[in-house]
Amino acid sequence: MKFSKLIVALVILLNAAFTVAVLFIFYRVGTEPTTLIGAWFGFTTVELWALAGIKKREIETGNDKEEIQ
């Protein structure tokens, strides 16, 4: 499995787990950690955009190993 596909799958899984954890905390405490939610999803969004940019540059320069194989 290609590394970037593993990272994307991991980010999706971690986002789902984080959402469940935040919902549980909200249920138990009654308040949501707004700053933590914004920081988490901001971080994961930037990571996915960075991977997309790397993939785009690989395709543009012709260094895409999946096309060669």
Protein backbone atom coordinates (compact mmCIF):
# COMPACT_ATOMS: atom_id res chain seq x y z
CA MET A 1 0.00 0.00 0.00
CA LYS A 2 1.32 3.43 -0.90
CA PHE A 3 2.33 5.61 2.04
CA SER A 4 0.07 8.54 1.15
CA LYS A 5 -2.99 6.28 0.91
CA LEU A 6 -2.18 4.93 4.36
CA ILE A 7 -1.93 8.46 5.74
CA VAL A 8 -5.29 9.46 4.20
CA ALA A 9 -6.99 6.38 5.64
CA LEU A 10 -5.40 7.05 9.02
CA VAL A 11 -6.53 10.69 9.03
CA ILE A 12 -10.11 9.65 8.24
CA LEU A 13 -10.06 7.02 10.99
CA LEU A 14 -8.58 9.44 13.52
CA ASN A 15 -11.13 12.13 12.61
CA ALA A 16 -13.97 9.68 13.18
CA ALA A 17 -12.49 8.58 16.52
CA PHE A 18 -11.95 12.21 17.55
CA THR A 19 -15.56 13.05 16.69
CA VAL A 20 -16.87 10.17 18.79
CA ALA A 21 -14.64 11.21 21.70
CA VAL A 22 -15.79 14.84 21.50
CA LEU A 23 -19.44 13.76 21.38
CA PHE A 24 -18.89 11.58 24.45
CA ILE A 25 -17.20 14.44 26.30
CA PHE A 26 -20.04 16.76 25.33
CA TYR A 27 -22.58 14.22 26.61
CA ARG A 28 -20.78 13.79 29.94
CA VAL A 29 -19.66 17.37 30.66
CA GLY A 30 -22.13 19.48 28.69
CA THR A 31 -19.55 21.71 27.00
CA GLU A 32 -17.55 21.27 23.86
CA PRO A 33 -13.80 21.92 23.52
CA THR A 34 -14.19 24.45 20.69
CA THR A 35 -10.53 25.42 20.41
CA LEU A 36 -9.39 21.79 20.42
CA ILE A 37 -11.91 20.89 17.71
CA GLY A 38 -10.77 23.76 15.50
CA ALA A 39 -7.11 22.93 16.00
CA TRP A 40 -7.59 19.21 15.31
CA PHE A 41 -9.55 19.59 12.11
CA GLY A 42 -7.30 22.45 10.99
CA PHE A 43 -4.26 20.22 11.44
CA THR A 44 -5.74 17.24 9.59
CA THR A 45 -6.99 19.46 6.76
CA VAL A 46 -3.54 20.96 6.25
CA GLU A 47 -1.98 17.49 6.24
CA LEU A 48 -4.37 16.27 3.54
CA TRP A 49 -3.84 19.41 1.44
CA ALA A 50 -0.07 18.95 1.73
CA LEU A 51 -0.34 15.34 0.52
CA ALA A 52 -2.55 16.46 -2.36
CA GLY A 53 0.02 19.11 -3.32
CA ILE A 54 2.83 16.55 -3.30
CA LYS A 55 0.80 14.19 -5.48
CA LYS A 56 -0.06 17.01 -7.89
CA ARG A 57 3.61 17.96 -8.25
CA GLU A 58 4.55 14.30 -8.87
CA ILE A 59 2.00 14.05 -11.66
CA GLU A 60 3.07 17.37 -13.22
CA THR A 61 6.76 16.43 -13.26
CA GLY A 62 6.12 12.91 -14.45
CA ASN A 63 7.58 11.28 -11.37
CA ASP A 64 4.39 9.40 -10.54
CA LYS A 65 5.49 5.82 -9.88
CA GLU A 66 1.96 4.44 -10.20
CA GLU A 67 1.77 5.56 -13.84
CA ILE A 68 5.09 3.87 -14.69
CA GLN A 69 4.17 0.49 -13.22
